């Protein structure tokens, strides 16, 4: 027996969604404050400023100043010795 071919069903088209912009206004909720029967105590902490430690002695400066003082003392001593010897030669 010969049968006629069965027709193939045609696919149905699904509509594509369209995006339309919408304006949405959001309202901020205002907090409802209920009065408290008693005053609330607030503790306040006063902190002292952080103490910084002193820097140590800069020994480079101390030795440099000491060397200058010693050099000046030796120069004065040499000048006095030269003057003394120069006066005694005459």
C-alpha atoms as a PDB file:
ATOM      1  CA  UNK A   1       0.000   0.000   0.000  1.00  0.00           C
ATOM      2  CA  UNK A   2       1.228   3.442  -0.837  1.00  0.00           C
ATOM      3  CA  UNK A   3       0.805   6.166   1.646  1.00  0.00           C
ATOM      4  CA  UNK A   4       1.094   9.838   0.943  1.00  0.00           C
ATOM      5  CA  UNK A   5       3.929  11.636   2.750  1.00  0.00           C
ATOM      6  CA  UNK A   6       3.003  13.251   6.029  1.00  0.00           C
ATOM      7  CA  UNK A   7       3.429  16.987   6.002  1.00  0.00           C
ATOM      8  CA  UNK A   8       6.115  18.338   8.309  1.00  0.00           C
ATOM      9  CA  UNK A   9       4.795  20.734  10.917  1.00  0.00           C
ATOM     10  CA  UNK A  10       5.949  24.324  10.521  1.00  0.00           C
ATOM     11  CA  UNK A  11       7.801  25.786  13.489  1.00  0.00           C
ATOM     12  CA  UNK A  12       5.996  28.388  15.490  1.00  0.00           C
ATOM     13  CA  UNK A  13       7.771  31.672  15.936  1.00  0.00           C
ATOM     14  CA  UNK A  14       8.220  32.855  19.498  1.00  0.00           C
ATOM     15  CA  UNK A  15       7.996  36.614  19.888  1.00  0.00           C
ATOM     16  CA  UNK A  16      11.202  38.306  21.055  1.00  0.00           C
ATOM     17  CA  UNK A  17      10.770  40.328  24.226  1.00  0.00           C
ATOM     18  CA  UNK A  18      11.167  44.058  23.832  1.00  0.00           C
ATOM     19  CA  UNK A  19      12.708  46.209  26.509  1.00  0.00           C
ATOM     20  CA  UNK A  20      10.976  49.462  27.168  1.00  0.00           C
ATOM     21  CA  UNK A  21      12.533  51.827  29.686  1.00  0.00           C
ATOM     22  CA  UNK A  22      10.474  52.521  32.747  1.00  0.00           C
ATOM     23  CA  UNK A  23      10.879  55.311  35.230  1.00  0.00           C
ATOM     24  CA  UNK A  24      10.841  54.035  38.772  1.00  0.00           C
ATOM     25  CA  UNK A  25      10.758  56.503  41.652  1.00  0.00           C
ATOM     26  CA  UNK A  26      12.002  55.100  44.924  1.00  0.00           C
ATOM     27  CA  UNK A  27      10.850  56.798  48.042  1.00  0.00           C
ATOM     28  CA  UNK A  28      13.145  56.894  51.032  1.00  0.00           C
ATOM     29  CA  UNK A  29      11.656  55.554  54.162  1.00  0.00           C
ATOM     30  CA  UNK A  30      11.717  58.031  57.002  1.00  0.00           C
ATOM     31  CA  UNK A  31      12.534  56.357  60.284  1.00  0.00           C
ATOM     32  CA  UNK A  32       9.873  56.516  62.904  1.00  0.00           C
ATOM     33  CA  UNK A  33      11.382  57.758  66.126  1.00  0.00           C
ATOM     34  CA  UNK A  34       9.622  56.910  69.274  1.00  0.00           C
ATOM     35  CA  UNK A  35      10.285  59.138  72.266  1.00  0.00           C
ATOM     36  CA  UNK A  36      12.217  57.427  75.005  1.00  0.00           C
ATOM     37  CA  UNK A  37      10.884  57.857  78.510  1.00  0.00           C
ATOM     38  CA  UNK A  38      14.367  58.261  80.032  1.00  0.00           C
ATOM     39  CA  UNK A  39      17.342  60.210  78.742  1.00  0.00           C
ATOM     40  CA  UNK A  40      20.099  58.091  77.301  1.00  0.00           C
ATOM     41  CA  UNK A  41      23.532  58.390  78.907  1.00  0.00           C
ATOM     42  CA  UNK A  42      26.452  58.717  76.529  1.00  0.00           C
ATOM     43  CA  UNK A  43      29.966  57.942  77.721  1.00  0.00           C
ATOM     44  CA  UNK A  44      32.735  60.075  76.308  1.00  0.00           C
ATOM     45  CA  UNK A  45      36.250  58.732  76.342  1.00  0.00           C
ATOM     46  CA  UNK A  46      39.046  61.281  76.252  1.00  0.00           C
ATOM     47  CA  UNK A  47      42.262  59.801  75.027  1.00  0.00           C
ATOM     48  CA  UNK A  48      45.628  61.401  75.468  1.00  0.00           C
ATOM     49  CA  UNK A  49      47.642  61.968  72.347  1.00  0.00           C
ATOM     50  CA  UNK A  50      50.123  59.237  71.637  1.00  0.00           C
ATOM     51  CA  UNK A  51      53.450  59.884  73.279  1.00  0.00           C
ATOM     52  CA  UNK A  52      56.355  59.738  70.927  1.00  0.00           C
ATOM     53  CA  UNK A  53      59.635  58.522  72.222  1.00  0.00           C
ATOM     54  CA  UNK A  54      62.572  60.868  71.974  1.00  0.00           C
ATOM     55  CA  UNK A  55      65.079  59.969  69.394  1.00  0.00           C
ATOM     56  CA  UNK A  56      68.368  58.741  70.788  1.00  0.00           C
ATOM     57  CA  UNK A  57      71.414  60.941  71.045  1.00  0.00           C
ATOM     58  CA  UNK A  58      72.937  61.576  67.651  1.00  0.00           C
ATOM     59  CA  UNK A  59      76.494  60.579  68.475  1.00  0.00           C
ATOM     60  CA  UNK A  60      77.745  61.785  65.120  1.00  0.00           C
ATOM     61  CA  UNK A  61      76.825  65.360  66.036  1.00  0.00           C
ATOM     62  CA  UNK A  62      78.196  65.027  69.558  1.00  0.00           C
ATOM     63  CA  UNK A  63      81.542  63.694  68.313  1.00  0.00           C
ATOM     64  CA  UNK A  64      81.705  66.325  65.569  1.00  0.00           C
ATOM     65  CA  UNK A  65      81.148  69.172  68.021  1.00  0.00           C
ATOM     66  CA  UNK A  66      83.627  67.609  70.443  1.00  0.00           C
ATOM     67  CA  UNK A  67      86.232  67.360  67.697  1.00  0.00           C
ATOM     68  CA  UNK A  68      85.720  71.024  66.776  1.00  0.00           C
ATOM     69  CA  UNK A  69      86.076  72.121  70.412  1.00  0.00           C
ATOM     70  CA  UNK A  70      89.247  70.020  70.840  1.00  0.00           C
ATOM     71  CA  UNK A  71      90.688  71.413  67.595  1.00  0.00           C
ATOM     72  CA  UNK A  72      89.943  74.996  68.675  1.00  0.00           C
ATOM     73  CA  UNK A  73      91.529  74.357  72.091  1.00  0.00           C
ATOM     74  CA  UNK A  74      94.684  72.933  70.507  1.00  0.00           C
ATOM     75  CA  UNK A  75      94.868  75.900  68.114  1.00  0.00           C
ATOM     76  CA  UNK A  76      94.624  78.396  70.981  1.00  0.00           C
ATOM     77  CA  UNK A  77      97.205  76.431  72.983  1.00  0.00           C
ATOM     78  CA  UNK A  78      99.594  76.408  70.003  1.00  0.00           C
ATOM     79  CA  UNK A  79      99.101  80.145  69.476  1.00  0.00           C
ATOM     80  CA  UNK A  80      99.884  80.866  73.137  1.00  0.00           C
ATOM     81  CA  UNK A  81     102.972  78.648  72.987  1.00  0.00           C
ATOM     82  CA  UNK A  82     104.249  80.396  69.838  1.00  0.00           C
ATOM     83  CA  UNK A  83     103.683  83.860  71.370  1.00  0.00           C
ATOM     84  CA  UNK A  84     105.452  82.822  74.584  1.00  0.00           C
ATOM     85  CA  UNK A  85     108.438  81.393  72.735  1.00  0.00           C
ATOM     86  CA  UNK A  86     108.612  84.396  70.378  1.00  0.00           C
ATOM     87  CA  UNK A  87     108.716  86.862  73.292  1.00  0.00           C
ATOM     88  CA  UNK A  88     111.456  84.928  75.093  1.00  0.00           C
ATOM     89  CA  UNK A  89     113.728  84.978  72.025  1.00  0.00           C
ATOM     90  CA  UNK A  90     114.163  88.759  72.116  1.00  0.00           C
END
